[in-house]
Amino acid sequence: MAYLQTLCAHCLTANRVDDSRLSEAPKCGKCHKSLFTGQPISANDAQLTRWLSHEQLPLVVDFWAEWCGPCQSFAPAFARAAELEPIARFIKVNTEQAPQSAAQFQIRSIPTLMIFQQGKILDQQAGAPPYPQFLQWLHQTLSH
């Protein structure tokens, strides 16, 4: 058996899960809620830091802002992609509420999408791609 560490979407507790059982709706050892919700998870600066330092599944992060029209129009595609859990975790970071993260990752335009694996950037792109192109980019990046 191979185990990996994944954070609870509700309480951010690190949980060790047998990777062959990820699709069996594992529950958090602390709060007993489902580890995977199939929905994007909002994160502030501190929470994103925790995700980046503790999550072993890939993280797909959408850096966005409420006033951004393209961000708003892309939100349903990102939410739909979040249903792909547990192939990755889907995190939304509002750059207005997480200025340290926006500065750390040099977010110059929004939306900016980044895929991380164990804290390292695998790929990134600016803009709001249509859902099919977003999925293609996800699968290409995650299959390498």
N, C-alpha and C. Protein backbone atom coordinates (compact mmCIF):
# COMPACT_ATOMS: atom_id res chain seq x y z
N MET A 1 0.83 -1.19 0.00
CA MET A 1 0.00 0.00 0.00
C MET A 1 0.88 1.25 0.00
N ALA A 2 0.46 2.21 -0.79
CA ALA A 2 1.14 3.51 -0.79
C ALA A 2 0.19 4.54 -0.19
N TYR A 3 0.72 5.35 0.69
CA TYR A 3 -0.08 6.36 1.35
C TYR A 3 0.36 7.74 0.89
N LEU A 4 -0.59 8.65 0.91
CA LEU A 4 -0.25 10.04 0.65
C LEU A 4 -0.97 10.91 1.66
N GLN A 5 -0.46 12.12 1.79
CA GLN A 5 -1.06 13.07 2.72
C GLN A 5 -1.94 14.03 1.95
N THR A 6 -3.16 14.19 2.42
CA THR A 6 -4.08 15.14 1.82
C THR A 6 -4.78 15.90 2.94
N LEU A 7 -5.08 17.15 2.67
CA LEU A 7 -5.73 17.99 3.68
C LEU A 7 -7.24 17.89 3.58
N CYS A 8 -7.89 18.02 4.71
CA CYS A 8 -9.35 18.07 4.74
C CYS A 8 -9.80 19.42 4.19
N ALA A 9 -10.77 19.40 3.29
CA ALA A 9 -11.30 20.63 2.70
C ALA A 9 -12.02 21.49 3.73
N HIS A 10 -12.43 20.89 4.85
CA HIS A 10 -13.21 21.61 5.85
C HIS A 10 -12.36 22.18 6.98
N CYS A 11 -11.47 21.36 7.56
CA CYS A 11 -10.71 21.80 8.74
C CYS A 11 -9.20 21.90 8.49
N LEU A 12 -8.77 21.57 7.29
CA LEU A 12 -7.36 21.64 6.87
C LEU A 12 -6.43 20.73 7.67
N THR A 13 -6.98 19.69 8.28
CA THR A 13 -6.16 18.71 8.98
C THR A 13 -5.53 17.78 7.96
N ALA A 14 -4.25 17.48 8.14
CA ALA A 14 -3.56 16.53 7.26
C ALA A 14 -4.03 15.11 7.59
N ASN A 15 -4.37 14.37 6.55
CA ASN A 15 -4.82 12.99 6.70
C ASN A 15 -3.97 12.09 5.82
N ARG A 16 -3.59 10.94 6.33
CA ARG A 16 -2.86 9.94 5.54
C ARG A 16 -3.89 9.00 4.94
N VAL A 17 -3.85 8.87 3.61
CA VAL A 17 -4.86 8.06 2.92
C VAL A 17 -4.16 7.08 1.99
N ASP A 18 -4.64 5.85 1.97
CA ASP A 18 -4.16 4.85 1.02
C ASP A 18 -4.53 5.35 -0.37
N ASP A 19 -3.54 5.56 -1.24
CA ASP A 19 -3.85 6.17 -2.53
C ASP A 19 -4.73 5.30 -3.41
N SER A 20 -4.83 4.02 -3.14
CA SER A 20 -5.74 3.16 -3.92
C SER A 20 -7.19 3.32 -3.47
N ARG A 21 -7.42 4.06 -2.37
CA ARG A 21 -8.77 4.24 -1.84
C ARG A 21 -9.25 5.68 -1.93
N LEU A 22 -8.54 6.53 -2.68
CA LEU A 22 -8.92 7.94 -2.78
C LEU A 22 -10.33 8.13 -3.33
N SER A 23 -10.74 7.28 -4.24
CA SER A 23 -12.06 7.43 -4.85
C SER A 23 -13.19 6.85 -4.01
N GLU A 24 -12.87 6.35 -2.82
CA GLU A 24 -13.88 5.74 -1.95
C GLU A 24 -14.42 6.70 -0.90
N ALA A 25 -14.39 8.00 -1.19
CA ALA A 25 -14.93 9.04 -0.30
C ALA A 25 -14.36 8.97 1.11
N PRO A 26 -13.02 9.06 1.24
CA PRO A 26 -12.43 9.02 2.59
C PRO A 26 -12.88 10.21 3.44
N LYS A 27 -12.93 9.97 4.73
CA LYS A 27 -13.36 11.01 5.68
C LYS A 27 -12.17 11.48 6.50
N CYS A 28 -12.27 12.70 7.00
CA CYS A 28 -11.24 13.30 7.83
C CYS A 28 -11.20 12.61 9.19
N GLY A 29 -10.00 12.33 9.67
CA GLY A 29 -9.86 11.71 10.98
C GLY A 29 -10.23 12.64 12.12
N LYS A 30 -10.22 13.96 11.88
CA LYS A 30 -10.52 14.92 12.94
C LYS A 30 -12.00 15.33 12.92
N CYS A 31 -12.47 15.89 11.79
CA CYS A 31 -13.85 16.42 11.77
C CYS A 31 -14.86 15.41 11.20
N HIS A 32 -14.38 14.31 10.64
CA HIS A 32 -15.20 13.22 10.11
C HIS A 32 -16.04 13.60 8.89
N LYS A 33 -15.73 14.75 8.27
CA LYS A 33 -16.40 15.13 7.03
C LYS A 33 -15.60 14.56 5.87
N SER A 34 -16.21 14.54 4.69
CA SER A 34 -15.54 14.02 3.51
C SER A 34 -14.31 14.87 3.18
N LEU A 35 -13.19 14.21 2.88
CA LEU A 35 -11.97 14.93 2.51
C LEU A 35 -12.15 15.67 1.19
N PHE A 36 -12.93 15.10 0.30
CA PHE A 36 -13.14 15.68 -1.02
C PHE A 36 -14.58 16.13 -1.17
N THR A 37 -14.76 17.36 -1.64
CA THR A 37 -16.10 17.92 -1.77
C THR A 37 -16.56 18.04 -3.22
N GLY A 38 -15.62 17.95 -4.17
CA GLY A 38 -15.97 18.15 -5.57
C GLY A 38 -16.29 19.60 -5.88
N GLN A 39 -15.87 20.50 -4.98
CA GLN A 39 -16.11 21.94 -5.15
C GLN A 39 -14.80 22.68 -4.89
N PRO A 40 -14.65 23.86 -5.51
CA PRO A 40 -13.45 24.66 -5.23
C PRO A 40 -13.38 25.04 -3.75
N ILE A 41 -12.16 25.14 -3.25
CA ILE A 41 -11.91 25.48 -1.86
C ILE A 41 -11.30 26.88 -1.83
N SER A 42 -11.92 27.79 -1.11
CA SER A 42 -11.38 29.15 -0.97
C SER A 42 -10.24 29.13 0.02
N ALA A 43 -9.18 29.90 -0.29
CA ALA A 43 -8.02 29.95 0.60
C ALA A 43 -7.49 31.38 0.71
N ASN A 44 -7.13 31.75 1.94
CA ASN A 44 -6.45 33.02 2.17
C ASN A 44 -4.94 32.76 2.14
N ASP A 45 -4.14 33.75 2.49
CA ASP A 45 -2.68 33.59 2.44
C ASP A 45 -2.20 32.42 3.30
N ALA A 46 -2.62 32.37 4.55
CA ALA A 46 -2.16 31.32 5.46
C ALA A 46 -2.64 29.94 5.01
N GLN A 47 -3.88 29.87 4.56
CA GLN A 47 -4.41 28.58 4.11
C GLN A 47 -3.69 28.09 2.86
N LEU A 48 -3.41 28.99 1.91
CA LEU A 48 -2.69 28.57 0.70
C LEU A 48 -1.31 28.06 1.08
N THR A 49 -0.65 28.73 2.00
CA THR A 49 0.66 28.26 2.45
C THR A 49 0.56 26.85 3.02
N ARG A 50 -0.49 26.60 3.80
CA ARG A 50 -0.68 25.25 4.36
C ARG A 50 -0.92 24.23 3.26
N TRP A 51 -1.78 24.57 2.29
CA TRP A 51 -2.03 23.66 1.17
C TRP A 51 -0.73 23.34 0.44
N LEU A 52 0.05 24.37 0.14
CA LEU A 52 1.27 24.17 -0.63
C LEU A 52 2.31 23.35 0.12
N SER A 53 2.34 23.47 1.43
CA SER A 53 3.37 22.76 2.19
C SER A 53 2.96 21.36 2.66
N HIS A 54 1.66 21.06 2.65
CA HIS A 54 1.22 19.76 3.18
C HIS A 54 0.52 18.85 2.18
N GLU A 55 -0.04 19.38 1.12
CA GLU A 55 -0.83 18.56 0.19
C GLU A 55 0.07 17.82 -0.79
N GLN A 56 -0.17 16.52 -0.93
CA GLN A 56 0.61 15.72 -1.88
C GLN A 56 -0.10 15.53 -3.21
N LEU A 57 -1.39 15.77 -3.27
CA LEU A 57 -2.08 15.75 -4.57
C LEU A 57 -1.77 17.07 -5.28
N PRO A 58 -1.86 17.08 -6.60
CA PRO A 58 -1.66 18.34 -7.31
C PRO A 58 -2.70 19.38 -6.88
N LEU A 59 -2.28 20.64 -6.86
CA LEU A 59 -3.17 21.76 -6.55
C LEU A 59 -3.37 22.59 -7.80
N VAL A 60 -4.60 22.81 -8.16
CA VAL A 60 -4.93 23.71 -9.27
C VAL A 60 -5.48 24.97 -8.61
N VAL A 61 -4.75 26.08 -8.78
CA VAL A 61 -5.10 27.31 -8.07
C VAL A 61 -5.55 28.38 -9.06
N ASP A 62 -6.71 28.95 -8.76
CA ASP A 62 -7.28 30.05 -9.55
C ASP A 62 -7.09 31.33 -8.74
N PHE A 63 -6.18 32.21 -9.20
CA PHE A 63 -6.01 33.52 -8.59
C PHE A 63 -6.99 34.46 -9.29
N TRP A 64 -7.89 35.07 -8.54
CA TRP A 64 -8.99 35.83 -9.12
C TRP A 64 -9.34 37.02 -8.22
N ALA A 65 -10.29 37.84 -8.67
CA ALA A 65 -10.84 38.94 -7.87
C ALA A 65 -12.31 39.11 -8.21
N GLU A 66 -13.09 39.58 -7.24
CA GLU A 66 -14.54 39.72 -7.44
C GLU A 66 -14.90 40.70 -8.55
N TRP A 67 -14.12 41.76 -8.72
CA TRP A 67 -14.45 42.80 -9.70
C TRP A 67 -14.07 42.40 -11.13
N CYS A 68 -13.41 41.28 -11.30
CA CYS A 68 -12.89 40.85 -12.60
C CYS A 68 -13.94 40.08 -13.40
N GLY A 69 -14.38 40.66 -14.50
CA GLY A 69 -15.38 40.00 -15.35
C GLY A 69 -14.93 38.64 -15.87
N PRO A 70 -13.73 38.52 -16.46
CA PRO A 70 -13.28 37.20 -16.92
C PRO A 70 -13.19 36.18 -15.79
N CYS A 71 -12.83 36.63 -14.59
CA CYS A 71 -12.78 35.72 -13.44
C CYS A 71 -14.17 35.17 -13.14
N GLN A 72 -15.16 36.06 -13.18
CA GLN A 72 -16.54 35.64 -12.92
C GLN A 72 -17.03 34.67 -13.99
N SER A 73 -16.69 34.94 -15.24
CA SER A 73 -17.16 34.07 -16.31
C SER A 73 -16.44 32.72 -16.30
N PHE A 74 -15.23 32.67 -15.75
CA PHE A 74 -14.48 31.41 -15.68
C PHE A 74 -14.88 30.56 -14.47
N ALA A 75 -15.46 31.17 -13.46
CA ALA A 75 -15.79 30.47 -12.21
C ALA A 75 -16.59 29.18 -12.41
N PRO A 76 -17.63 29.16 -13.28
CA PRO A 76 -18.36 27.89 -13.45
C PRO A 76 -17.49 26.77 -14.06
N ALA A 77 -16.58 27.11 -14.95
CA ALA A 77 -15.69 26.09 -15.53
C ALA A 77 -14.76 25.53 -14.46
N PHE A 78 -14.24 26.40 -13.60
CA PHE A 78 -13.36 25.95 -12.52
C PHE A 78 -14.15 25.06 -11.55
N ALA A 79 -15.36 25.47 -11.23
CA ALA A 79 -16.20 24.68 -10.32
C ALA A 79 -16.51 23.31 -10.92
N ARG A 80 -16.77 23.28 -12.21
CA ARG A 80 -17.06 22.01 -12.89
C ARG A 80 -15.82 21.10 -12.86
N ALA A 81 -14.65 21.68 -13.07
CA ALA A 81 -13.42 20.89 -13.04
C ALA A 81 -13.15 20.33 -11.64
N ALA A 82 -13.58 21.04 -10.61
CA ALA A 82 -13.36 20.57 -9.23
C ALA A 82 -14.03 19.24 -8.97
N GLU A 83 -15.01 18.89 -9.78
CA GLU A 83 -15.67 17.59 -9.65
C GLU A 83 -14.72 16.44 -9.98
N LEU A 84 -13.55 16.76 -10.56
CA LEU A 84 -12.57 15.74 -10.91
C LEU A 84 -11.77 15.24 -9.70
N GLU A 85 -11.97 15.87 -8.53
CA GLU A 85 -11.28 15.36 -7.34
C GLU A 85 -11.49 13.86 -7.26
N PRO A 86 -10.53 13.08 -6.87
CA PRO A 86 -9.28 13.42 -6.24
C PRO A 86 -8.05 13.43 -7.18
N ILE A 87 -8.23 13.67 -8.48
CA ILE A 87 -7.02 13.74 -9.31
C ILE A 87 -6.20 14.98 -8.95
N ALA A 88 -6.84 15.97 -8.38
CA ALA A 88 -6.20 17.21 -7.93
C ALA A 88 -7.14 17.90 -6.96
N ARG A 89 -6.61 18.88 -6.25
CA ARG A 89 -7.43 19.74 -5.40
C ARG A 89 -7.56 21.07 -6.12
N PHE A 90 -8.71 21.73 -6.01
CA PHE A 90 -9.00 22.96 -6.73
C PHE A 90 -9.20 24.09 -5.73
N ILE A 91 -8.28 25.05 -5.76
CA ILE A 91 -8.22 26.12 -4.77
C ILE A 91 -8.46 27.46 -5.45
N LYS A 92 -9.31 28.29 -4.85
CA LYS A 92 -9.54 29.65 -5.34
C LYS A 92 -8.93 30.64 -4.34
N VAL A 93 -8.11 31.54 -4.88
CA VAL A 93 -7.45 32.55 -4.05
C VAL A 93 -7.86 33.92 -4.56
N ASN A 94 -8.63 34.63 -3.74
CA ASN A 94 -9.04 36.00 -4.08
C ASN A 94 -7.84 36.90 -3.81
N THR A 95 -7.28 37.48 -4.86
CA THR A 95 -6.05 38.27 -4.73
C THR A 95 -6.25 39.52 -3.87
N GLU A 96 -7.49 39.99 -3.76
CA GLU A 96 -7.77 41.14 -2.90
C GLU A 96 -7.67 40.76 -1.43
N GLN A 97 -8.01 39.52 -1.11
CA GLN A 97 -7.98 39.05 0.27
C GLN A 97 -6.71 38.29 0.61
N ALA A 98 -5.88 38.02 -0.39
CA ALA A 98 -4.62 37.29 -0.20
C ALA A 98 -3.48 38.01 -0.93
N PRO A 99 -3.19 39.25 -0.52
CA PRO A 99 -2.18 40.03 -1.24
C PRO A 99 -0.77 39.44 -1.14
N GLN A 100 -0.45 38.75 -0.06
CA GLN A 100 0.88 38.15 0.07
C GLN A 100 1.07 37.04 -0.97
N SER A 101 0.05 36.22 -1.16
CA SER A 101 0.13 35.15 -2.16
C SER A 101 0.22 35.74 -3.57
N ALA A 102 -0.57 36.77 -3.83
CA ALA A 102 -0.53 37.42 -5.14
C ALA A 102 0.87 37.97 -5.42
N ALA A 103 1.50 38.56 -4.41
CA ALA A 103 2.85 39.10 -4.57
C ALA A 103 3.87 37.97 -4.70
N GLN A 104 3.74 36.95 -3.86
CA GLN A 104 4.69 35.83 -3.87
C GLN A 104 4.75 35.16 -5.24
N PHE A 105 3.59 34.98 -5.87
CA PHE A 105 3.54 34.29 -7.16
C PHE A 105 3.49 35.24 -8.35
N GLN A 106 3.75 36.53 -8.06
CA GLN A 106 3.86 37.56 -9.09
C GLN A 106 2.65 37.57 -10.02
N ILE A 107 1.46 37.60 -9.42
CA ILE A 107 0.22 37.63 -10.19
C ILE A 107 0.07 39.04 -10.76
N ARG A 108 0.15 39.13 -12.08
CA ARG A 108 0.07 40.43 -12.74
C ARG A 108 -1.22 40.60 -13.54
N SER A 109 -1.87 39.50 -13.85
CA SER A 109 -3.17 39.57 -14.51
C SER A 109 -4.04 38.47 -13.92
N ILE A 110 -5.33 38.73 -13.94
CA ILE A 110 -6.26 37.74 -13.40
C ILE A 110 -7.36 37.49 -14.43
N PRO A 111 -7.88 36.29 -14.45
CA PRO A 111 -7.44 35.17 -13.63
C PRO A 111 -6.08 34.64 -14.09
N THR A 112 -5.32 34.13 -13.13
CA THR A 112 -4.11 33.38 -13.41
C THR A 112 -4.32 32.00 -12.79
N LEU A 113 -4.04 30.98 -13.58
CA LEU A 113 -4.20 29.60 -13.13
C LEU A 113 -2.82 28.99 -12.97
N MET A 114 -2.61 28.31 -11.86
CA MET A 114 -1.34 27.63 -11.60
C MET A 114 -1.62 26.21 -11.12
N ILE A 115 -0.75 25.31 -11.54
CA ILE A 115 -0.80 23.94 -11.04
C ILE A 115 0.47 23.68 -10.26
N PHE A 116 0.30 23.27 -9.00
CA PHE A 116 1.42 22.98 -8.11
C PHE A 116 1.47 21.49 -7.82
N GLN A 117 2.66 20.98 -7.63
CA GLN A 117 2.85 19.62 -7.13
C GLN A 117 3.86 19.71 -6.00
N GLN A 118 3.43 19.39 -4.79
CA GLN A 118 4.24 19.45 -3.58
C GLN A 118 4.98 20.79 -3.47
N GLY A 119 4.21 21.88 -3.66
CA GLY A 119 4.72 23.22 -3.45
C GLY A 119 5.44 23.85 -4.64
N LYS A 120 5.70 23.09 -5.68
CA LYS A 120 6.41 23.61 -6.84
C LYS A 120 5.44 23.84 -8.01
N ILE A 121 5.66 24.93 -8.74
CA ILE A 121 4.80 25.24 -9.88
C ILE A 121 5.12 24.29 -11.04
N LEU A 122 4.10 23.56 -11.49
CA LEU A 122 4.26 22.70 -12.66
C LEU A 122 3.99 23.48 -13.94
N ASP A 123 2.96 24.34 -13.90
CA ASP A 123 2.59 25.12 -15.08
C ASP A 123 1.68 26.25 -14.63
N GLN A 124 1.56 27.25 -15.50
CA GLN A 124 0.67 28.37 -15.22
C GLN A 124 0.21 28.98 -16.52
N GLN A 125 -0.91 29.65 -16.45
CA GLN A 125 -1.42 30.39 -17.60
C GLN A 125 -2.31 31.51 -17.11
N ALA A 126 -2.28 32.60 -17.85
CA ALA A 126 -3.15 33.74 -17.54
C ALA A 126 -4.37 33.67 -18.47
N GLY A 127 -5.48 34.17 -17.97
CA GLY A 127 -6.68 34.21 -18.78
C GLY A 127 -7.70 33.17 -18.35
N ALA A 128 -8.86 33.25 -19.00
CA ALA A 128 -9.99 32.39 -18.68
C ALA A 128 -10.30 31.50 -19.88
N PRO A 129 -9.66 30.35 -19.97
CA PRO A 129 -9.90 29.48 -21.13
C PRO A 129 -11.29 28.85 -21.08
N PRO A 130 -11.85 28.54 -22.25
CA PRO A 130 -13.10 27.78 -22.25
C PRO A 130 -12.86 26.41 -21.58
N TYR A 131 -13.92 25.83 -21.05
CA TYR A 131 -13.79 24.59 -20.29
C TYR A 131 -13.02 23.49 -21.04
N PRO A 132 -13.29 23.22 -22.33
CA PRO A 132 -12.53 22.14 -23.00
C PRO A 132 -11.02 22.40 -23.03
N GLN A 133 -10.62 23.65 -23.26
CA GLN A 133 -9.19 23.96 -23.28
C GLN A 133 -8.59 23.88 -21.88
N PHE A 134 -9.37 24.30 -20.89
CA PHE A 134 -8.91 24.20 -19.50
C PHE A 134 -8.67 22.74 -19.13
N LEU A 135 -9.63 21.88 -19.48
CA LEU A 135 -9.48 20.45 -19.19
C LEU A 135 -8.28 19.86 -19.91
N GLN A 136 -8.08 20.23 -21.16
CA GLN A 136 -6.95 19.73 -21.93
C GLN A 136 -5.63 20.15 -21.26
N TRP A 137 -5.55 21.41 -20.84
CA TRP A 137 -4.35 21.90 -20.17
C TRP A 137 -4.12 21.13 -18.86
N LEU A 138 -5.19 20.92 -18.10
CA LEU A 138 -5.09 20.16 -16.85
C LEU A 138 -4.53 18.77 -17.10
N HIS A 139 -5.15 18.05 -18.02
CA HIS A 139 -4.74 16.67 -18.28
C HIS A 139 -3.31 16.60 -18.82
N GLN A 140 -2.96 17.53 -19.69
CA GLN A 140 -1.58 17.56 -20.22
C GLN A 140 -0.58 17.78 -19.10
N THR A 141 -0.85 18.73 -18.25
CA THR A 141 0.08 19.07 -17.17
C THR A 141 0.16 17.95 -16.14
N LEU A 142 -0.98 17.39 -15.78
CA LEU A 142 -1.01 16.39 -14.72
C LEU A 142 -0.50 15.03 -15.19
N SER A 143 -0.45 14.80 -16.49
CA SER A 143 0.02 13.49 -16.98
C SER A 143 1.53 13.45 -17.13
N HIS A 144 2.21 14.57 -16.95
CA HIS A 144 3.68 14.58 -17.06
C HIS A 144 4.34 14.22 -15.77
